[in-house]
Amino acid sequence: MENHYIQMENRKRITVTEVTSVEGFDDETILANLAEQGLIISGKDLHIETLDLDEGKLVADGEIESLSYIRKKSGGNIFERLGRFRK
């Protein structure tokens, strides 16, 4: 697993490295894939400022309330249980 880094500034801005994709987002949740796990960023008025998948960098701002890791399930979307982001 690649090392990823999370830098948060006053719960208003977050930078995450080693991001491989973003499964979905709205103003309360950002669902990001890392190499071997998922990351759920929750808050209010969230906005993706930068998403550079070549560099693996995600920068978001807003009122950040929580971060949660979720394990990837083999053969499926790791966020399927969060129904509002289903296609």
C-alpha atoms as a PDB file:
ATOM      1  CA  MET A   1       0.000   0.000   0.000  1.00  0.00           C
ATOM      2  CA  GLU A   2       1.221   3.453  -0.854  1.00  0.00           C
ATOM      3  CA  ASN A   3       1.459   5.922   1.983  1.00  0.00           C
ATOM      4  CA  HIS A   4      -1.158   8.629   1.864  1.00  0.00           C
ATOM      5  CA  TYR A   5      -1.186  11.867   3.760  1.00  0.00           C
ATOM      6  CA  ILE A   6      -4.025  13.949   5.094  1.00  0.00           C
ATOM      7  CA  GLN A   7      -3.477  17.561   6.038  1.00  0.00           C
ATOM      8  CA  MET A   8      -6.339  19.500   7.576  1.00  0.00           C
ATOM      9  CA  GLU A   9      -6.309  23.226   8.263  1.00  0.00           C
ATOM     10  CA  ASN A  10      -8.688  24.382  11.017  1.00  0.00           C
ATOM     11  CA  ARG A  11     -11.351  21.899   9.845  1.00  0.00           C
ATOM     12  CA  LYS A  12     -11.939  24.226   6.865  1.00  0.00           C
ATOM     13  CA  ARG A  13      -9.576  22.792   4.242  1.00  0.00           C
ATOM     14  CA  ILE A  14      -8.277  19.282   3.652  1.00  0.00           C
ATOM     15  CA  THR A  15      -5.586  17.882   1.363  1.00  0.00           C
ATOM     16  CA  VAL A  16      -5.424  14.119   0.704  1.00  0.00           C
ATOM     17  CA  THR A  17      -2.714  12.389  -1.335  1.00  0.00           C
ATOM     18  CA  GLU A  18      -2.728   9.004  -3.140  1.00  0.00           C
ATOM     19  CA  VAL A  19      -6.342   9.504  -4.307  1.00  0.00           C
ATOM     20  CA  THR A  20      -7.143   7.230  -7.255  1.00  0.00           C
ATOM     21  CA  SER A  21     -10.700   8.435  -7.931  1.00  0.00           C
ATOM     22  CA  VAL A  22     -13.757  10.132  -6.448  1.00  0.00           C
ATOM     23  CA  GLU A  23     -16.883   7.952  -6.469  1.00  0.00           C
ATOM     24  CA  GLY A  24     -19.293  10.760  -5.641  1.00  0.00           C
ATOM     25  CA  PHE A  25     -19.711  14.015  -3.808  1.00  0.00           C
ATOM     26  CA  ASP A  26     -22.210  16.603  -2.720  1.00  0.00           C
ATOM     27  CA  ASP A  27     -22.096  19.473  -0.241  1.00  0.00           C
ATOM     28  CA  GLU A  28     -22.136  17.062   2.734  1.00  0.00           C
ATOM     29  CA  THR A  29     -20.005  14.090   1.618  1.00  0.00           C
ATOM     30  CA  ILE A  30     -16.977  13.327  -0.542  1.00  0.00           C
ATOM     31  CA  LEU A  31     -16.308   9.659  -1.335  1.00  0.00           C
ATOM     32  CA  ALA A  32     -12.688   9.149  -2.403  1.00  0.00           C
ATOM     33  CA  ASN A  33     -10.841   5.965  -3.366  1.00  0.00           C
ATOM     34  CA  LEU A  34      -7.305   5.438  -2.133  1.00  0.00           C
ATOM     35  CA  ALA A  35      -5.099   2.546  -3.264  1.00  0.00           C
ATOM     36  CA  GLU A  36      -6.553  -0.099  -0.921  1.00  0.00           C
ATOM     37  CA  GLN A  37      -9.393   1.638   0.904  1.00  0.00           C
ATOM     38  CA  GLY A  38     -11.984   4.347   0.656  1.00  0.00           C
ATOM     39  CA  LEU A  39     -12.163   7.646   2.516  1.00  0.00           C
ATOM     40  CA  ILE A  40     -15.410   9.371   3.437  1.00  0.00           C
ATOM     41  CA  ILE A  41     -15.142  13.094   4.193  1.00  0.00           C
ATOM     42  CA  SER A  42     -18.286  14.452   5.843  1.00  0.00           C
ATOM     43  CA  GLY A  43     -19.279  18.008   6.647  1.00  0.00           C
ATOM     44  CA  LYS A  44     -21.231  21.022   5.436  1.00  0.00           C
ATOM     45  CA  ASP A  45     -20.791  23.206   2.368  1.00  0.00           C
ATOM     46  CA  LEU A  46     -18.044  20.911   1.044  1.00  0.00           C
ATOM     47  CA  HIS A  47     -16.466  21.881  -2.245  1.00  0.00           C
ATOM     48  CA  ILE A  48     -13.734  20.120  -4.211  1.00  0.00           C
ATOM     49  CA  GLU A  49     -11.178  22.787  -4.973  1.00  0.00           C
ATOM     50  CA  THR A  50      -8.633  20.545  -6.730  1.00  0.00           C
ATOM     51  CA  LEU A  51      -8.754  16.973  -8.002  1.00  0.00           C
ATOM     52  CA  ASP A  52      -5.578  15.936  -9.807  1.00  0.00           C
ATOM     53  CA  LEU A  53      -5.609  12.171 -10.339  1.00  0.00           C
ATOM     54  CA  ASP A  54      -2.250  12.233 -12.130  1.00  0.00           C
ATOM     55  CA  GLU A  55      -0.700  13.508  -8.885  1.00  0.00           C
ATOM     56  CA  GLY A  56      -3.254  11.677  -6.699  1.00  0.00           C
ATOM     57  CA  LYS A  57      -4.187  14.900  -4.919  1.00  0.00           C
ATOM     58  CA  LEU A  58      -7.570  16.032  -3.607  1.00  0.00           C
ATOM     59  CA  VAL A  59      -8.081  19.441  -1.997  1.00  0.00           C
ATOM     60  CA  ALA A  60     -11.487  20.330  -0.557  1.00  0.00           C
ATOM     61  CA  ASP A  61     -12.865  23.109   1.588  1.00  0.00           C
ATOM     62  CA  GLY A  62     -15.947  23.624   3.729  1.00  0.00           C
ATOM     63  CA  GLU A  63     -16.855  22.734   7.308  1.00  0.00           C
ATOM     64  CA  ILE A  64     -15.223  19.326   7.807  1.00  0.00           C
ATOM     65  CA  GLU A  65     -16.925  17.275  10.520  1.00  0.00           C
ATOM     66  CA  SER A  66     -15.484  13.782  10.140  1.00  0.00           C
ATOM     67  CA  LEU A  67     -13.219  11.420   8.219  1.00  0.00           C
ATOM     68  CA  SER A  68     -13.880   7.691   7.956  1.00  0.00           C
ATOM     69  CA  TYR A  69     -12.058   4.869   6.243  1.00  0.00           C
ATOM     70  CA  ILE A  70     -13.973   2.078   4.564  1.00  0.00           C
ATOM     71  CA  ARG A  71     -12.564  -1.210   3.267  1.00  0.00           C
ATOM     72  CA  LYS A  72     -12.972  -2.033  -0.381  1.00  0.00           C
ATOM     73  CA  LYS A  73     -15.089  -5.049  -1.161  1.00  0.00           C
ATOM     74  CA  SER A  74     -13.780  -7.299  -3.905  1.00  0.00           C
ATOM     75  CA  GLY A  75     -15.718  -7.110  -7.130  1.00  0.00           C
ATOM     76  CA  GLY A  76     -17.857  -4.092  -6.369  1.00  0.00           C
ATOM     77  CA  ASN A  77     -18.163  -0.427  -5.682  1.00  0.00           C
ATOM     78  CA  ILE A  78     -16.986   0.258  -2.137  1.00  0.00           C
ATOM     79  CA  PHE A  79     -19.685   2.877  -1.688  1.00  0.00           C
ATOM     80  CA  GLU A  80     -22.717   0.915  -2.922  1.00  0.00           C
ATOM     81  CA  ARG A  81     -24.160   0.836   0.559  1.00  0.00           C
ATOM     82  CA  LEU A  82     -24.394   4.636   0.448  1.00  0.00           C
ATOM     83  CA  GLY A  83     -27.418   4.574  -1.848  1.00  0.00           C
ATOM     84  CA  ARG A  84     -27.603   8.253  -2.719  1.00  0.00           C
ATOM     85  CA  PHE A  85     -24.429   7.925  -4.823  1.00  0.00           C
ATOM     86  CA  ARG A  86     -25.566   4.939  -6.887  1.00  0.00           C
ATOM     87  CA  LYS A  87     -25.681   5.405 -10.614  1.00  0.00           C
END
